[in-house]
Amino acid sequence: MAVNKPLSSHDAMELDKDCSIVLELSESDPFFDKKKKLLQDMGFSTKEEIHVKRSSDPNWISTSLKIMLQIERIINSDETELYFAGDEPMDMYGHRNELEALNSILQLVESSLSSAC
């Protein structure tokens, strides 16, 4: 049975380190201009850096993940989704897009954790 001991001040500081997760639209994307416009319409740039603190408020983390998902949905949009988006950001995404967006976020989070931020 493991006993939870209090964190030393050094361990507490390590847990409170900032991490950054960068979401970037590749300039080689064939739909770069359309996706860039959609991102800008939503108030984002083609390269967004999300700062995460391990001790952040759960509501803030939830909001950050929702923002990351919005950005990744646009980045992972295909030609059909972009066509039906028109000039307005999309409310509906295909299953493929949703899975790719979630997978992209998961990979970014795993990469950040493995590099110990």
Protein backbone atom coordinates (compact mmCIF):
# COMPACT_ATOMS: atom_id res chain seq x y z
CA MET A 1 0.00 0.00 0.00
CA ALA A 2 1.49 3.32 -1.09
CA VAL A 3 1.61 6.15 1.38
CA ASN A 4 1.18 9.66 0.04
CA LYS A 5 3.82 11.86 1.59
CA PRO A 6 3.75 15.65 1.42
CA LEU A 7 5.60 17.19 -1.50
CA SER A 8 8.89 18.90 -0.81
CA SER A 9 9.08 22.51 -1.91
CA HIS A 10 11.27 21.42 -4.86
CA ASP A 11 8.69 18.80 -5.94
CA ALA A 12 5.88 21.32 -5.59
CA MET A 13 7.78 23.77 -7.81
CA GLU A 14 8.32 21.02 -10.40
CA LEU A 15 4.58 20.30 -10.48
CA ASP A 16 3.85 23.99 -10.97
CA LYS A 17 6.08 24.39 -14.03
CA ASP A 18 4.53 25.93 -17.10
CA CYS A 19 4.11 23.89 -20.24
CA SER A 20 3.39 25.23 -23.67
CA ILE A 21 1.50 23.41 -26.36
CA VAL A 22 1.84 24.89 -29.83
CA LEU A 23 -0.84 24.39 -32.46
CA GLU A 24 0.26 25.41 -35.92
CA LEU A 25 -1.30 25.37 -39.35
CA SER A 26 1.28 24.16 -41.85
CA GLU A 27 1.98 26.61 -44.65
CA SER A 28 2.20 23.64 -47.00
CA ASP A 29 -1.46 22.77 -46.32
CA PRO A 30 -3.32 22.93 -49.67
CA PHE A 31 -6.14 24.86 -47.98
CA PHE A 32 -3.87 27.17 -45.98
CA ASP A 33 -5.58 30.44 -47.00
CA LYS A 34 -9.11 29.22 -46.26
CA LYS A 35 -8.09 27.69 -42.90
CA LYS A 36 -6.11 30.81 -42.00
CA LYS A 37 -9.19 32.95 -42.65
CA LEU A 38 -11.38 30.66 -40.52
CA LEU A 39 -8.83 30.76 -37.69
CA GLN A 40 -8.61 34.54 -37.89
CA ASP A 41 -12.40 34.85 -37.92
CA MET A 42 -12.42 32.95 -34.62
CA GLY A 43 -9.69 35.18 -33.17
CA PHE A 44 -6.77 32.77 -33.63
CA SER A 45 -3.57 32.95 -35.64
CA THR A 46 -1.95 30.20 -37.69
CA LYS A 47 0.34 29.48 -34.74
CA GLU A 48 -1.18 29.44 -31.27
CA GLU A 49 0.73 28.73 -28.08
CA ILE A 50 -1.33 27.47 -25.16
CA HIS A 51 0.34 27.83 -21.77
CA VAL A 52 -0.62 25.14 -19.28
CA LYS A 53 0.26 25.12 -15.63
CA ARG A 54 -0.07 21.74 -13.97
CA SER A 55 -1.78 23.28 -10.97
CA SER A 56 -4.21 25.29 -13.09
CA ASP A 57 -7.87 25.59 -12.21
CA PRO A 58 -9.83 22.68 -13.81
CA ASN A 59 -12.20 25.18 -15.45
CA TRP A 60 -9.25 26.94 -17.09
CA ILE A 61 -7.86 23.61 -18.32
CA SER A 62 -11.26 22.65 -19.70
CA THR A 63 -11.55 25.98 -21.52
CA SER A 64 -8.02 25.61 -22.91
CA LEU A 65 -8.80 22.13 -24.22
CA LYS A 66 -11.99 23.41 -25.88
CA ILE A 67 -9.97 26.15 -27.60
CA MET A 68 -7.37 23.61 -28.70
CA LEU A 69 -10.14 21.43 -30.11
CA GLN A 70 -11.63 24.37 -32.07
CA ILE A 71 -8.24 25.14 -33.60
CA GLU A 72 -7.46 21.50 -34.41
CA ARG A 73 -10.87 21.02 -36.02
CA ILE A 74 -10.05 23.77 -38.51
CA ILE A 75 -6.49 22.53 -39.05
CA ASN A 76 -7.81 19.01 -39.77
CA SER A 77 -10.67 20.13 -42.04
CA ASP A 78 -10.86 18.59 -45.47
CA GLU A 79 -12.07 20.17 -48.69
CA THR A 80 -15.72 19.22 -48.15
CA GLU A 81 -15.85 20.61 -44.61
CA LEU A 82 -14.21 23.83 -45.78
CA TYR A 83 -16.65 24.13 -48.68
CA PHE A 84 -19.69 23.88 -46.42
CA ALA A 85 -18.15 26.21 -43.84
CA GLY A 86 -18.59 29.20 -46.12
CA ASP A 87 -17.46 32.38 -44.41
CA GLU A 88 -18.63 31.26 -40.99
CA PRO A 89 -16.72 28.97 -38.59
CA MET A 90 -18.14 25.48 -38.67
CA ASP A 91 -20.45 24.11 -36.02
CA MET A 92 -20.54 20.57 -37.35
CA TYR A 93 -17.56 18.38 -38.11
CA GLY A 94 -17.30 14.90 -39.53
CA HIS A 95 -16.28 11.92 -37.44
CA ARG A 96 -12.92 11.75 -39.21
CA ASN A 97 -12.19 15.37 -38.37
CA GLU A 98 -13.19 14.99 -34.75
CA LEU A 99 -11.00 11.91 -34.28
CA GLU A 100 -8.03 13.53 -36.01
CA ALA A 101 -8.42 16.70 -33.92
CA LEU A 102 -8.60 14.74 -30.67
CA ASN A 103 -5.68 12.54 -31.70
CA SER A 104 -3.57 15.60 -32.56
CA ILE A 105 -4.24 17.10 -29.13
CA LEU A 106 -3.46 13.80 -27.43
CA GLN A 107 -0.15 13.55 -29.28
CA LEU A 108 0.75 17.14 -28.34
CA VAL A 109 -0.08 16.54 -24.68
CA GLU A 110 1.86 13.25 -24.60
CA SER A 111 4.82 14.92 -26.28
CA SER A 112 4.76 17.78 -23.75
CA LEU A 113 4.55 15.37 -20.83
CA SER A 114 7.31 13.11 -22.12
CA SER A 115 9.64 16.07 -22.59
CA ALA A 116 8.80 17.05 -18.98
CA CYS A 117 7.86 20.52 -20.16
